[in-house]
Amino acid sequence: MVLKLYAVSDGPPSLSVRQALAALDIPFELKDTNFGAGEHMAEEYAKMNPQKEIPVLDDDGFYLSESNAILQYLCDKYQPQSELYPKDPKARAIVNHRLCFNLSTYYANISAYTMAPIFFDYQRTDLGLKKVHIALDVFETYLQRLGTKYAAANQLTIADFQLINSTMTLEAIDFDFSKYQKKYRRNCSINLHSWYITW
């Protein structure tokens, strides 16, 4: 049975899973979920994901939500030797850390400032902008200390899918990245371009 992915076309977590599926060359059926119409709030959707969040993976009746968990599962089940999710404990720990950092801090702070005002009755504030800069400053520190080309290694990992999609939401509001020296956004945008243009 072909995997099914319930996703939204431009949601960063959904994009990350779609990029991983493409990178791992895993066939899947995209089930576009209309966030604006509230399709994710329906009773049938809640049977797959009681959190009523997007995306959800359906692997022959095995339903998995949380994009980090989906990314890890796809690598472990379908491409266990892939460098996208390295087996070495320390290398994997760094990838896992970056995934957790994105979920708890990076995407949380950025999306509250960039996306929440688009979809909800939410105002951008100076405090919100300060939190964005805190997230970017911490990420810049991680990049400098590790000294690798990408967020967790010298090659692309599943952490990059999450982090670059979070970062790119700032482009929607013409955010000024000039103070950030590592230029992560530019490097990853080039390397992820082939996955974007296929959609």
Protein backbone atom coordinates (compact mmCIF):
# COMPACT_ATOMS: atom_id res chain seq x y z
CA MET A 1 0.00 0.00 0.00
CA VAL A 2 1.27 3.48 -0.88
CA LEU A 3 1.85 5.82 2.04
CA LYS A 4 -0.66 8.61 2.48
CA LEU A 5 0.34 12.00 3.80
CA TYR A 6 -2.35 14.35 5.07
CA ALA A 7 -0.71 17.75 4.68
CA VAL A 8 -1.12 21.40 3.76
CA SER A 9 0.67 22.73 0.70
CA ASP A 10 2.67 25.47 2.39
CA GLY A 11 2.87 24.45 6.04
CA PRO A 12 6.51 24.11 7.16
CA PRO A 13 6.03 20.75 8.96
CA SER A 14 4.17 19.37 5.94
CA LEU A 15 6.85 20.64 3.57
CA SER A 16 9.55 19.00 5.67
CA VAL A 17 7.89 15.59 5.45
CA ARG A 18 7.31 15.95 1.71
CA GLN A 19 10.97 16.89 1.20
CA ALA A 20 12.09 13.85 3.17
CA LEU A 21 9.80 11.57 1.17
CA ALA A 22 11.27 12.98 -2.04
CA ALA A 23 14.86 12.74 -0.79
CA LEU A 24 14.33 9.15 0.30
CA ASP A 25 12.54 8.33 -2.97
CA ILE A 26 9.49 6.95 -1.16
CA PRO A 27 6.25 6.91 -3.19
CA PHE A 28 3.30 8.51 -1.42
CA GLU A 29 -0.16 9.86 -2.01
CA LEU A 30 -0.67 13.45 -0.94
CA LYS A 31 -3.98 14.10 0.79
CA ASP A 32 -4.35 17.87 0.74
CA THR A 33 -5.95 19.00 4.00
CA ASN A 34 -7.73 22.34 3.87
CA PHE A 35 -6.64 24.13 7.03
CA GLY A 36 -8.75 27.20 6.29
CA ALA A 37 -11.89 25.08 5.97
CA GLY A 38 -11.07 23.27 9.21
CA GLU A 39 -10.79 19.80 7.68
CA HIS A 40 -8.26 18.88 10.38
CA MET A 41 -10.92 19.52 13.04
CA ALA A 42 -13.32 16.91 11.65
CA GLU A 43 -14.19 13.80 13.64
CA GLU A 44 -12.72 11.50 10.99
CA TYR A 45 -9.41 13.35 11.10
CA ALA A 46 -9.36 13.17 14.90
CA LYS A 47 -9.45 9.37 14.60
CA MET A 48 -6.04 9.58 12.93
CA ASN A 49 -4.71 12.35 15.15
CA PRO A 50 -6.53 13.35 18.36
CA GLN A 51 -4.35 16.50 18.45
CA LYS A 52 -6.03 17.54 15.17
CA GLU A 53 -2.74 18.85 13.83
CA ILE A 54 -1.17 18.59 10.39
CA PRO A 55 0.60 16.54 8.98
CA VAL A 56 -0.43 12.92 9.57
CA LEU A 57 1.18 9.90 7.93
CA ASP A 58 -0.92 6.83 7.13
CA ASP A 59 1.26 3.76 6.61
CA ASP A 60 -1.33 1.06 5.89
CA GLY A 61 -3.44 1.97 8.91
CA PHE A 62 -0.53 2.99 11.12
CA TYR A 63 -1.20 6.66 11.81
CA LEU A 64 1.64 8.90 12.91
CA SER A 65 1.53 12.60 13.67
CA GLU A 66 4.22 15.08 14.76
CA SER A 67 6.49 15.86 11.82
CA ASN A 68 9.67 15.06 13.77
CA ALA A 69 8.39 11.58 14.56
CA ILE A 70 7.32 11.10 10.94
CA LEU A 71 10.76 12.09 9.63
CA GLN A 72 12.49 9.71 12.02
CA TYR A 73 10.09 6.88 11.21
CA LEU A 74 10.50 7.27 7.45
CA CYS A 75 14.27 7.01 7.73
CA ASP A 76 14.23 4.14 10.22
CA LYS A 77 11.73 2.05 8.27
CA TYR A 78 12.45 2.82 4.63
CA GLN A 79 16.10 3.99 4.44
CA PRO A 80 17.84 2.95 7.69
CA GLN A 81 21.32 3.54 6.23
CA SER A 82 20.54 7.03 4.93
CA GLU A 83 22.83 9.86 5.99
CA LEU A 84 19.70 11.96 6.40
CA TYR A 85 19.37 10.30 9.82
CA PRO A 86 22.79 8.93 10.81
CA LYS A 87 23.15 5.79 12.91
CA ASP A 88 26.18 6.93 14.92
CA PRO A 89 24.82 7.81 18.40
CA LYS A 90 26.55 11.19 18.67
CA ALA A 91 25.72 12.22 15.12
CA ARG A 92 22.11 11.16 15.61
CA ALA A 93 21.95 12.97 18.95
CA ILE A 94 22.86 16.24 17.22
CA VAL A 95 20.15 15.70 14.61
CA ASN A 96 17.64 14.90 17.36
CA HIS A 97 18.71 17.98 19.28
CA ARG A 98 18.17 20.24 16.28
CA LEU A 99 14.74 18.70 15.72
CA CYS A 100 13.82 19.34 19.37
CA PHE A 101 15.26 22.86 19.21
CA ASN A 102 13.15 23.61 16.16
CA LEU A 103 10.00 22.32 17.82
CA SER A 104 10.44 23.90 21.23
CA THR A 105 12.07 27.21 20.36
CA TYR A 106 12.92 27.99 16.77
CA TYR A 107 9.68 27.26 14.90
CA ALA A 108 7.60 28.13 17.95
CA ASN A 109 9.02 31.67 18.12
CA ILE A 110 9.17 32.27 14.39
CA SER A 111 5.71 30.96 13.54
CA ALA A 112 4.10 32.96 16.35
CA TYR A 113 5.51 36.09 14.74
CA THR A 114 5.16 35.26 11.04
CA MET A 115 2.25 32.86 10.62
CA ALA A 116 -0.10 33.37 13.55
CA PRO A 117 -1.07 36.92 12.43
CA ILE A 118 -1.94 35.52 8.99
CA PHE A 119 -4.31 32.82 10.23
CA PHE A 120 -5.49 34.09 13.60
CA ASP A 121 -6.42 37.30 15.40
CA TYR A 122 -2.86 37.89 16.57
CA GLN A 123 -0.74 41.02 16.43
CA ARG A 124 2.99 41.21 15.81
CA THR A 125 4.69 42.80 18.80
CA ASP A 126 8.14 43.97 19.79
CA LEU A 127 8.30 41.05 22.22
CA GLY A 128 7.46 38.65 19.41
CA LEU A 129 10.24 40.11 17.27
CA LYS A 130 12.65 39.85 20.21
CA LYS A 131 11.83 36.15 20.51
CA VAL A 132 12.54 35.66 16.80
CA HIS A 133 15.97 37.25 17.23
CA ILE A 134 16.66 35.13 20.32
CA ALA A 135 15.86 31.99 18.31
CA LEU A 136 18.04 33.10 15.40
CA ASP A 137 20.90 34.08 17.73
CA VAL A 138 20.85 30.67 19.42
CA PHE A 139 20.74 28.87 16.08
CA GLU A 140 23.63 30.98 14.82
CA THR A 141 25.61 29.97 17.92
CA TYR A 142 24.93 26.28 17.28
CA LEU A 143 26.09 26.65 13.68
CA GLN A 144 29.26 28.46 14.71
CA ARG A 145 30.15 25.97 17.46
CA LEU A 146 29.56 22.87 15.37
CA GLY A 147 31.30 24.36 12.34
CA THR A 148 29.50 22.20 9.80
CA LYS A 149 27.94 23.17 6.51
CA TYR A 150 24.46 22.20 7.65
CA ALA A 151 22.58 22.38 10.93
CA ALA A 152 23.73 19.03 12.30
CA ALA A 153 26.43 17.69 9.96
CA ASN A 154 28.42 18.38 6.82
CA GLN A 155 25.65 16.73 4.83
CA LEU A 156 21.93 17.32 4.70
CA THR A 157 19.90 15.69 7.50
CA ILE A 158 16.23 15.62 8.39
CA ALA A 159 16.91 18.46 10.81
CA ASP A 160 17.62 20.75 7.87
CA PHE A 161 14.18 20.17 6.38
CA GLN A 162 12.55 21.46 9.55
CA LEU A 163 14.93 24.34 10.20
CA ILE A 164 15.06 25.72 6.67
CA ASN A 165 11.27 25.67 6.34
CA SER A 166 10.95 27.49 9.65
CA THR A 167 13.53 30.04 8.53
CA MET A 168 11.90 30.59 5.16
CA THR A 169 8.61 31.69 6.71
CA LEU A 170 10.45 34.86 7.65
CA GLU A 171 10.81 35.66 3.95
CA ALA A 172 7.05 36.23 3.81
CA ILE A 173 7.50 39.34 5.93
CA ASP A 174 10.78 40.49 4.31
CA PHE A 175 12.77 39.82 7.44
CA ASP A 176 16.29 41.31 7.51
CA PHE A 177 18.83 38.49 7.87
CA SER A 178 21.90 40.70 7.35
CA LYS A 179 23.21 40.39 10.92
CA TYR A 180 23.38 36.59 10.71
CA GLN A 181 26.75 35.59 9.34
CA LYS A 182 26.34 31.86 8.70
CA LYS A 183 23.88 32.39 5.84
CA TYR A 184 22.20 29.06 6.61
CA ARG A 185 19.06 30.10 4.76
CA ARG A 186 20.91 30.76 1.51
CA ASN A 187 22.99 27.57 1.60
CA CYS A 188 20.05 25.32 2.36
CA SER A 189 17.71 27.06 -0.06
CA ILE A 190 20.08 26.17 -2.89
CA ASN A 191 20.35 22.55 -1.82
CA LEU A 192 16.63 22.09 -1.20
CA HIS A 193 15.57 23.83 -4.41
CA SER A 194 15.17 20.59 -6.36
CA TRP A 195 12.50 19.40 -3.91
CA TYR A 196 10.59 22.68 -4.00
CA ILE A 197 10.33 22.90 -7.78
CA THR A 198 8.68 19.47 -8.11
CA TRP A 199 5.52 20.59 -6.30
